[in-house]
Amino acid sequence: MKFVILEEKEFDHFALVHPQFSFYQYSSWGKLKEVNGWKTHFVGYKDKDTLVAASMLLEKETPIHKKMFYAPRGFLIDYKNKKLLQAFTSEIKKYVKKHGGFFIKIDPYLSYVQRDIDGNVVENGENNEDAVQNLKDLGYKYYGRNRNTDKELQPRWMFALDLDGDEQTIFNYFSNDTKRYIHRCEKNGLTVKEITKDNLDEYKKIMEHTAKRRGFIDRPISYYENMVKYLDKDIKILLCSLNTKEYLEKLKQEEKQLQKELDEIIETLKVNDGKKAKVKKKTLENELSLIHNREEEAKELRKKYGEEIVMSGSMFIISGYEIIYLFSGSYDWFMKYNPQYLIQWEIIKYGIKHKYKRYNFYGISGVFEKDDPMYGVYLFKKGFNGYVIELLGEFDLIIQPFYYHLYKIAFKTYKMIKHVKNKLKK
């Protein structure tokens, strides 16, 4: 067994087929982080010539002028193999110390326990509590089963859907509300299209608007440009739009057909004054009234916003066997059209078509009570069926305790100052 420095290609080859692979453990993500001042390292552990463990390490200097290291989504290793984990940890400590680091953070892409759609633990399901214990036994400081999303570098609680069926089978398991919203989007003429780096401004506008509405600070356009630049084919950005011209034409066709049916019923009633015909006549009149209302609304939309109206947008990343839902935004005045439902359905269909195993809706709070501020996010994702994922959480391997505690004090002070500044801006 020997600890080795890896070339990018060798690391990527190992990472892409590893069961714990995440896009955070990929060389292109490292290149993206280098833009923001991080330095990347690729290390591994070999049994003769076979890689048995590996990790991308990100290095950055902290405000105390000492370096921290981070293995995003943890090492690619069998955490239940304590002997291997111990040997790799020993070499990692030496390596980080040699390069001026005082601690290393990991957050493994591994479930703690298996959970169902409601967040309940699945009886006799997957359980990795022994992996947590192994890390603790080897000196890793464990942050626990945290449910505070503000204290996690990456989401610890997620929601996912296995794509192990055809479109109709998967659609049938959606909640009634979700199916109704998707059908309504299609009926209203909403469409979804993928954009390129040349259309990023439109997506950025949506995110800026959403940030103001929800009270968070959006990233600069350069952030999204760099994501597209470095992650390239692994990034998909979808926009949901309404073409008012096509929508009005569609409504006119519906109106024409309904009027034809109504005229036929009226003629029938002249001959046969039956109950069924009367009910049918009333139904058709109501449907026509709704069509007229929708036509007037569509005309107003066209007059105010133009022919092509972008309502919502989302960014996704292709990550090995899964597709991950990263960011999204919507204009609040179009929320009633439920454009995000259609975007989700389109990316799910893409995943089914291209044989991905899982669609990961990504972060939720891990709190399943209705009074939780993020309960609506969970409810939206739950409507598409699937299950809750609880990852192990964060661990720190402390190499120089004095600097580690000094850093924690400095970081806590920085967070407090940042919180006060954000309060003053409001």
Protein backbone atom coordinates (compact mmCIF):
# COMPACT_ATOMS: atom_id res chain seq x y z
CA MET A 1 0.00 0.00 0.00
CA LYS A 2 1.30 3.47 -0.85
CA PHE A 3 0.06 7.06 -0.78
CA VAL A 4 0.39 8.75 -4.19
CA ILE A 5 -0.11 12.07 -5.96
CA LEU A 6 -2.52 11.61 -8.86
CA GLU A 7 -2.84 13.18 -12.27
CA GLU A 8 -6.24 14.70 -13.02
CA LYS A 9 -7.16 12.05 -15.58
CA GLU A 10 -6.30 9.18 -13.26
CA PHE A 11 -8.32 10.73 -10.46
CA ASP A 12 -11.33 11.42 -12.73
CA HIS A 13 -11.25 7.87 -14.07
CA PHE A 14 -11.46 6.51 -10.51
CA ALA A 15 -14.00 9.10 -9.30
CA LEU A 16 -16.53 8.72 -12.10
CA VAL A 17 -17.22 5.05 -11.34
CA HIS A 18 -17.04 5.31 -7.55
CA PRO A 19 -20.39 4.75 -5.72
CA GLN A 20 -19.90 7.98 -3.72
CA PHE A 21 -19.11 10.14 -6.73
CA SER A 22 -20.44 13.68 -6.74
CA PHE A 23 -19.65 16.51 -9.12
CA TYR A 24 -17.91 18.18 -6.15
CA GLN A 25 -15.29 15.41 -6.42
CA TYR A 26 -14.36 16.05 -10.01
CA SER A 27 -11.39 17.90 -11.51
CA SER A 28 -13.60 20.39 -13.42
CA TRP A 29 -15.13 21.49 -10.09
CA GLY A 30 -11.59 22.01 -8.80
CA LYS A 31 -10.84 24.27 -11.77
CA LEU A 32 -13.95 26.28 -11.00
CA LYS A 33 -12.87 26.66 -7.37
CA GLU A 34 -9.41 27.82 -8.47
CA VAL A 35 -11.10 30.89 -9.96
CA ASN A 36 -12.18 31.76 -6.40
CA GLY A 37 -8.72 31.37 -4.92
CA TRP A 38 -8.57 27.67 -4.03
CA LYS A 39 -5.73 25.35 -5.00
CA THR A 40 -6.43 21.73 -5.96
CA HIS A 41 -4.60 18.55 -5.00
CA PHE A 42 -5.34 15.01 -6.20
CA VAL A 43 -4.20 12.22 -3.94
CA GLY A 44 -4.80 8.51 -3.70
CA TYR A 45 -3.93 5.26 -1.99
CA LYS A 46 -2.83 2.27 -4.04
CA ASP A 47 -2.67 -1.45 -3.38
CA LYS A 48 0.17 -2.32 -5.76
CA ASP A 49 -1.03 -0.54 -8.93
CA THR A 50 -4.74 -0.44 -8.07
CA LEU A 51 -6.34 2.67 -6.60
CA VAL A 52 -8.41 1.81 -3.52
CA ALA A 53 -9.04 5.36 -2.26
CA ALA A 54 -8.69 8.89 -3.61
CA SER A 55 -9.67 12.48 -2.96
CA MET A 56 -9.57 15.93 -4.45
CA LEU A 57 -8.36 18.33 -1.78
CA LEU A 58 -9.05 22.05 -1.97
CA GLU A 59 -6.59 24.33 -0.21
CA LYS A 60 -7.14 27.95 0.79
CA GLU A 61 -5.45 30.41 3.10
CA THR A 62 -7.64 31.59 5.98
CA PRO A 63 -7.78 35.02 7.67
CA ILE A 64 -5.31 33.74 10.31
CA HIS A 65 -2.78 33.19 7.47
CA LYS A 66 -2.86 29.42 7.82
CA LYS A 67 -4.25 27.00 5.27
CA MET A 68 -7.42 24.96 5.58
CA PHE A 69 -8.11 21.93 3.38
CA TYR A 70 -11.47 20.64 2.23
CA ALA A 71 -12.36 17.36 0.57
CA PRO A 72 -15.73 18.28 -1.00
CA ARG A 73 -18.20 15.45 -0.42
CA GLY A 74 -15.49 13.54 1.38
CA PHE A 75 -12.88 11.00 0.39
CA LEU A 76 -13.76 8.34 -2.17
CA ILE A 77 -13.16 5.41 0.14
CA ASP A 78 -14.88 2.56 1.93
CA TYR A 79 -15.61 4.24 5.28
CA LYS A 80 -16.54 0.87 6.79
CA ASN A 81 -13.05 -0.49 6.13
CA LYS A 82 -11.47 0.92 9.26
CA LYS A 83 -7.99 -0.36 8.49
CA LEU A 84 -7.96 1.32 5.07
CA LEU A 85 -9.56 4.48 6.46
CA GLN A 86 -6.96 4.65 9.24
CA ALA A 87 -4.04 4.26 6.82
CA PHE A 88 -5.42 6.86 4.39
CA THR A 89 -6.17 9.28 7.24
CA SER A 90 -2.59 8.96 8.54
CA GLU A 91 -1.18 9.81 5.11
CA ILE A 92 -3.65 12.66 4.58
CA LYS A 93 -2.60 14.23 7.89
CA LYS A 94 1.05 14.11 6.86
CA TYR A 95 0.28 15.55 3.44
CA VAL A 96 -1.87 18.41 4.73
CA LYS A 97 0.65 19.29 7.43
CA LYS A 98 3.49 19.26 4.88
CA HIS A 99 1.55 21.77 2.76
CA GLY A 100 0.89 24.13 5.67
CA GLY A 101 -2.62 23.04 6.59
CA PHE A 102 -3.97 23.07 10.13
CA PHE A 103 -7.16 21.05 9.53
CA ILE A 104 -9.14 19.27 6.82
CA LYS A 105 -12.93 19.19 6.46
CA ILE A 106 -14.88 16.35 4.86
CA ASP A 107 -18.61 15.81 4.27
CA PRO A 108 -19.01 12.30 2.76
CA TYR A 109 -21.58 11.65 0.05
CA LEU A 110 -22.92 8.69 1.98
CA SER A 111 -26.29 8.15 3.65
CA TYR A 112 -26.47 7.95 7.44
CA VAL A 113 -29.61 5.82 7.43
CA GLN A 114 -32.12 5.05 4.69
CA ARG A 115 -35.33 7.11 4.82
CA ASP A 116 -38.68 7.07 3.02
CA ILE A 117 -40.68 9.86 1.35
CA ASP A 118 -41.88 11.21 4.72
CA GLY A 119 -38.39 11.20 6.27
CA ASN A 120 -39.03 8.09 8.37
CA VAL A 121 -36.20 5.60 8.85
CA VAL A 122 -36.69 2.51 6.67
CA GLU A 123 -36.73 -0.66 8.78
CA ASN A 124 -33.77 -2.91 7.86
CA GLY A 125 -32.63 -0.29 5.33
CA GLU A 126 -29.12 0.95 4.59
CA ASN A 127 -27.28 2.04 7.72
CA ASN A 128 -23.83 3.65 7.88
CA GLU A 129 -23.63 4.53 11.57
CA ASP A 130 -20.48 2.41 11.79
CA ALA A 131 -18.82 4.69 9.22
CA VAL A 132 -19.48 7.64 11.52
CA GLN A 133 -18.07 5.73 14.47
CA ASN A 134 -14.95 4.79 12.51
CA LEU A 135 -14.27 8.43 11.70
CA LYS A 136 -14.82 9.50 15.30
CA ASP A 137 -12.53 6.71 16.53
CA LEU A 138 -9.81 8.00 14.20
CA GLY A 139 -9.96 11.49 15.68
CA TYR A 140 -12.36 13.29 13.34
CA LYS A 141 -14.46 15.94 15.06
CA TYR A 142 -18.11 15.25 14.18
CA TYR A 143 -20.61 18.09 13.79
CA GLY A 144 -23.51 15.75 14.39
CA ARG A 145 -26.77 15.17 12.56
CA ASN A 146 -27.30 18.85 11.91
CA ARG A 147 -30.60 20.19 10.60
CA ASN A 148 -29.45 23.81 10.36
CA THR A 149 -28.81 24.43 6.65
CA ASP A 150 -26.96 27.69 7.43
CA LYS A 151 -24.21 25.73 9.20
CA GLU A 152 -23.49 23.27 6.38
CA LEU A 153 -21.15 23.85 3.45
CA GLN A 154 -23.35 21.59 1.30
CA PRO A 155 -26.85 20.22 1.95
CA ARG A 156 -26.90 17.29 4.38
CA TRP A 157 -30.59 16.59 3.78
CA MET A 158 -31.78 16.00 0.22
CA PHE A 159 -34.76 14.63 -1.68
CA ALA A 160 -34.37 12.29 -4.67
CA LEU A 161 -36.36 10.27 -7.19
CA ASP A 162 -35.17 7.01 -8.73
CA LEU A 163 -35.71 6.99 -12.51
CA ASP A 164 -36.41 3.27 -12.77
CA GLY A 165 -39.44 3.30 -15.05
CA ASP A 166 -40.91 4.82 -18.20
CA GLU A 167 -42.37 8.34 -18.31
CA GLN A 168 -45.97 7.30 -17.74
CA THR A 169 -45.15 5.00 -14.81
CA ILE A 170 -43.12 7.69 -13.04
CA PHE A 171 -45.72 10.38 -13.80
CA ASN A 172 -48.50 8.20 -12.35
CA TYR A 173 -46.81 8.27 -8.93
CA PHE A 174 -46.76 12.08 -8.75
CA SER A 175 -49.26 13.65 -6.36
CA ASN A 176 -52.60 14.71 -7.85
CA ASP A 177 -51.70 18.38 -7.35
CA THR A 178 -48.36 17.95 -9.14
CA LYS A 179 -49.99 16.17 -12.09
CA ARG A 180 -52.69 18.86 -12.28
CA TYR A 181 -50.11 21.70 -12.27
CA ILE A 182 -48.09 20.03 -15.04
CA HIS A 183 -51.21 19.49 -17.16
CA ARG A 184 -52.24 23.10 -16.54
CA CYS A 185 -48.82 24.34 -17.70
CA GLU A 186 -49.14 22.34 -20.90
CA LYS A 187 -52.72 23.49 -21.42
CA ASN A 188 -51.72 27.12 -20.91
CA GLY A 189 -49.08 26.77 -23.63
CA LEU A 190 -45.98 26.99 -21.45
CA THR A 191 -42.82 25.54 -22.98
CA VAL A 192 -39.35 24.72 -21.70
CA LYS A 193 -36.13 25.30 -23.60
CA GLU A 194 -32.44 24.90 -22.82
CA ILE A 195 -30.24 27.98 -23.09
CA THR A 196 -26.51 28.40 -23.69
CA LYS A 197 -23.89 30.73 -22.23
CA ASP A 198 -25.08 33.36 -24.72
CA ASN A 199 -28.44 33.61 -22.90
CA LEU A 200 -27.14 33.72 -19.33
CA ASP A 201 -28.32 37.32 -18.86
CA GLU A 202 -31.96 36.17 -18.93
CA TYR A 203 -31.30 33.52 -16.29
CA LYS A 204 -29.36 36.03 -14.18
CA LYS A 205 -32.33 38.44 -14.22
CA ILE A 206 -34.58 35.70 -12.86
CA MET A 207 -32.12 34.88 -10.07
CA GLU A 208 -31.72 38.55 -9.12
CA HIS A 209 -35.49 38.96 -8.88
CA THR A 210 -35.82 35.76 -6.81
CA ALA A 211 -33.01 36.87 -4.49
CA LYS A 212 -34.84 40.12 -3.73
CA ARG A 213 -38.15 38.30 -3.23
CA ARG A 214 -36.69 35.66 -0.90
CA GLY A 215 -34.12 37.85 0.88
CA PHE A 216 -30.79 36.34 -0.16
CA ILE A 217 -27.80 37.75 -2.06
CA ASP A 218 -27.50 36.47 -5.61
CA ARG A 219 -24.18 35.51 -7.16
CA PRO A 220 -22.56 37.77 -9.78
CA ILE A 221 -22.97 36.91 -13.47
CA SER A 222 -19.31 35.83 -13.54
CA TYR A 223 -20.19 32.96 -11.16
CA TYR A 224 -22.70 31.49 -13.62
CA GLU A 225 -20.37 32.17 -16.57
CA ASN A 226 -17.58 30.26 -14.85
CA MET A 227 -19.89 27.36 -14.03
CA VAL A 228 -20.83 27.05 -17.69
CA LYS A 229 -17.19 27.51 -18.74
CA TYR A 230 -15.65 24.88 -16.47
CA LEU A 231 -18.49 22.39 -16.12
CA ASP A 232 -19.50 22.81 -19.76
CA LYS A 233 -21.52 19.80 -20.98
CA ASP A 234 -22.40 18.82 -17.40
CA ILE A 235 -24.49 21.98 -16.91
CA LYS A 236 -28.07 22.39 -18.15
CA ILE A 237 -30.03 25.64 -17.78
CA LEU A 238 -33.74 25.49 -18.59
CA LEU A 239 -36.14 28.40 -18.97
CA CYS A 240 -39.92 28.13 -18.94
CA SER A 241 -41.69 30.60 -21.22
CA LEU A 242 -45.08 31.51 -22.60
CA ASN A 243 -45.42 32.60 -26.23
CA THR A 244 -48.53 34.77 -26.09
CA LYS A 245 -49.08 34.70 -29.86
CA GLU A 246 -49.10 30.89 -29.99
CA TYR A 247 -51.11 30.76 -26.78
CA LEU A 248 -53.83 33.02 -28.19
CA GLU A 249 -53.97 30.98 -31.40
CA LYS A 250 -54.36 27.82 -29.31
CA LEU A 251 -57.15 29.43 -27.27
CA LYS A 252 -58.93 30.50 -30.48
CA GLN A 253 -58.85 26.92 -31.71
CA GLU A 254 -60.25 25.67 -28.39
CA GLU A 255 -62.94 28.36 -28.47
CA LYS A 256 -63.89 27.40 -32.04
CA GLN A 257 -64.22 23.73 -31.12
CA LEU A 258 -66.24 24.44 -27.96
CA GLN A 259 -68.55 26.82 -29.86
CA LYS A 260 -69.13 24.13 -32.49
CA GLU A 261 -70.06 21.60 -29.77
CA LEU A 262 -72.32 24.16 -28.07
CA ASP A 263 -74.13 24.95 -31.34
CA GLU A 264 -74.74 21.22 -31.87
CA ILE A 265 -76.17 20.84 -28.34
CA ILE A 266 -78.44 23.85 -28.85
CA GLU A 267 -79.79 22.24 -32.05
CA THR A 268 -80.29 18.97 -30.18
CA LEU A 269 -82.27 20.74 -27.44
CA LYS A 270 -84.68 22.13 -30.03
CA VAL A 271 -85.71 18.57 -30.78
CA ASN A 272 -85.05 16.77 -27.48
CA ASP A 273 -85.19 18.74 -24.23
CA GLY A 274 -83.20 16.10 -22.31
CA LYS A 275 -81.47 16.49 -18.97
CA LYS A 276 -78.07 15.28 -20.21
CA ALA A 277 -78.10 17.77 -23.06
CA LYS A 278 -78.93 20.61 -20.68
CA VAL A 279 -76.05 19.66 -18.37
CA LYS A 280 -73.72 19.43 -21.39
CA LYS A 281 -74.86 22.86 -22.59
CA LYS A 282 -74.15 24.41 -19.18
CA THR A 283 -70.72 22.77 -19.03
CA LEU A 284 -69.78 24.03 -22.49
CA GLU A 285 -70.96 27.55 -21.65
CA ASN A 286 -68.79 27.55 -18.52
CA GLU A 287 -65.79 26.29 -20.48
CA LEU A 288 -66.29 28.98 -23.11
CA SER A 289 -66.49 31.62 -20.41
CA LEU A 290 -63.16 30.39 -18.99
CA ILE A 291 -61.62 30.44 -22.47
CA HIS A 292 -62.75 34.05 -22.95
CA ASN A 293 -61.21 35.01 -19.61
CA ARG A 294 -57.95 33.32 -20.53
CA GLU A 295 -57.95 35.12 -23.89
CA GLU A 296 -58.35 38.50 -22.20
CA GLU A 297 -55.61 37.64 -19.73
CA ALA A 298 -53.29 36.52 -22.55
CA LYS A 299 -53.90 39.78 -24.42
CA GLU A 300 -53.04 41.77 -21.31
CA LEU A 301 -49.87 39.72 -20.82
CA ARG A 302 -48.84 40.30 -24.42
CA LYS A 303 -49.51 44.01 -24.14
CA LYS A 304 -47.52 44.32 -20.91
CA TYR A 305 -44.64 41.83 -21.38
CA GLY A 306 -44.40 41.18 -25.11
CA GLU A 307 -44.75 38.09 -27.27
CA GLU A 308 -42.26 35.79 -25.50
CA ILE A 309 -42.51 35.83 -21.69
CA VAL A 310 -39.84 34.09 -19.65
CA MET A 311 -41.40 33.04 -16.35
CA SER A 312 -38.89 30.82 -14.58
CA GLY A 313 -35.46 29.23 -14.85
CA SER A 314 -33.40 26.44 -13.28
CA MET A 315 -29.82 25.20 -13.38
CA PHE A 316 -28.98 21.49 -13.22
CA ILE A 317 -25.76 19.53 -13.23
CA ILE A 318 -25.14 16.08 -14.65
CA SER A 319 -23.20 14.17 -12.01
CA GLY A 320 -22.24 10.62 -12.92
CA TYR A 321 -25.36 8.49 -12.49
CA GLU A 322 -27.63 11.34 -11.35
CA ILE A 323 -28.93 14.77 -12.32
CA ILE A 324 -28.84 17.39 -9.56
CA TYR A 325 -31.17 20.38 -9.25
CA LEU A 326 -28.89 23.25 -8.19
CA PHE A 327 -30.55 26.67 -8.45
CA SER A 328 -33.87 28.05 -9.58
CA GLY A 329 -35.88 31.23 -9.67
CA SER A 330 -39.25 32.58 -10.82
CA TYR A 331 -40.81 35.99 -11.32
CA ASP A 332 -43.37 36.37 -8.55
CA TRP A 333 -46.07 37.78 -10.87
CA PHE A 334 -45.99 34.50 -12.85
CA MET A 335 -45.99 32.12 -9.89
CA LYS A 336 -49.67 31.26 -10.43
CA TYR A 337 -48.72 29.61 -13.73
CA ASN A 338 -46.55 27.08 -11.81
CA PRO A 339 -43.70 27.12 -14.39
CA GLN A 340 -41.32 25.24 -12.07
CA TYR A 341 -43.51 22.16 -12.23
CA LEU A 342 -43.09 21.96 -15.99
CA ILE A 343 -39.32 22.51 -15.73
CA GLN A 344 -39.04 19.66 -13.22
CA TRP A 345 -41.07 17.35 -15.43
CA GLU A 346 -38.93 18.18 -18.48
CA ILE A 347 -35.65 17.44 -16.66
CA ILE A 348 -37.10 14.21 -15.24
CA LYS A 349 -38.10 13.14 -18.75
CA TYR A 350 -34.57 13.98 -19.93
CA GLY A 351 -33.14 11.81 -17.17
CA ILE A 352 -35.41 8.88 -18.10
CA LYS A 353 -34.56 9.19 -21.79
CA HIS A 354 -30.80 9.27 -21.17
CA LYS A 355 -30.84 6.40 -18.64
CA TYR A 356 -29.78 8.30 -15.51
CA LYS A 357 -30.47 6.35 -12.34
CA ARG A 358 -31.58 9.20 -10.12
CA TYR A 359 -32.91 12.73 -10.17
CA ASN A 360 -31.73 14.60 -7.09
CA PHE A 361 -33.98 17.52 -6.10
CA TYR A 362 -31.17 18.37 -3.67
CA GLY A 363 -31.50 20.41 -0.49
CA ILE A 364 -34.28 20.27 2.08
CA SER A 365 -34.15 21.24 5.75
CA GLY A 366 -34.64 17.78 7.25
CA VAL A 367 -37.51 19.13 9.36
CA PHE A 368 -40.86 17.67 8.34
CA GLU A 369 -43.26 19.79 10.41
CA LYS A 370 -45.58 22.25 8.66
CA ASP A 371 -44.34 25.20 10.72
CA ASP A 372 -40.78 24.80 9.38
CA PRO A 373 -39.88 27.80 7.12
CA MET A 374 -38.63 25.41 4.41
CA TYR A 375 -41.54 22.98 4.60
CA GLY A 376 -42.94 24.33 1.33
CA VAL A 377 -39.70 23.41 -0.47
CA TYR A 378 -39.95 19.84 0.82
CA LEU A 379 -43.66 19.65 -0.07
CA PHE A 380 -42.97 20.83 -3.64
CA LYS A 381 -40.29 18.15 -4.13
CA LYS A 382 -42.32 15.47 -2.37
CA GLY A 383 -45.12 15.99 -4.89
CA PHE A 384 -42.95 14.32 -7.53
CA ASN A 385 -42.57 11.18 -5.38
CA GLY A 386 -39.19 9.89 -4.17
CA TYR A 387 -37.43 9.67 -0.82
CA VAL A 388 -35.46 11.65 1.74
CA ILE A 389 -31.67 11.32 1.93
CA GLU A 390 -29.80 12.07 5.14
CA LEU A 391 -26.03 12.23 4.60
CA LEU A 392 -23.44 11.57 7.32
CA GLY A 393 -22.61 15.23 7.86
CA GLU A 394 -19.40 17.20 8.38
CA PHE A 395 -16.18 16.14 10.06
CA ASP A 396 -13.00 18.07 10.83
CA LEU A 397 -9.63 16.35 11.08
CA ILE A 398 -7.63 18.71 13.29
CA ILE A 399 -3.89 18.78 12.66
CA GLN A 400 -2.82 21.87 14.61
CA PRO A 401 -5.28 22.43 17.48
CA PHE A 402 -4.06 25.93 18.43
CA TYR A 403 -4.62 27.35 14.94
CA TYR A 404 -7.86 25.44 14.58
CA HIS A 405 -9.37 27.04 17.70
CA LEU A 406 -8.04 30.46 16.66
CA TYR A 407 -9.67 30.00 13.26
CA LYS A 408 -13.01 29.02 14.81
CA ILE A 409 -13.02 32.19 16.91
CA ALA A 410 -12.12 34.34 13.89
CA PHE A 411 -14.76 32.64 11.73
CA LYS A 412 -17.46 33.09 14.36
CA THR A 413 -16.60 36.80 14.61
CA TYR A 414 -16.69 37.15 10.81
CA LYS A 415 -20.13 35.50 10.64
CA MET A 416 -21.45 37.80 13.35
CA ILE A 417 -20.19 40.94 11.55
CA LYS A 418 -21.62 39.69 8.24
CA HIS A 419 -25.00 39.05 9.90
CA VAL A 420 -25.07 42.59 11.33
CA LYS A 421 -24.16 44.10 7.92
CA ASN A 422 -26.95 42.15 6.21
CA LYS A 423 -29.42 43.34 8.85
CA LEU A 424 -28.38 46.97 8.28
CA LYS A 425 -28.90 46.61 4.51
CA LYS A 426 -32.56 45.65 5.00
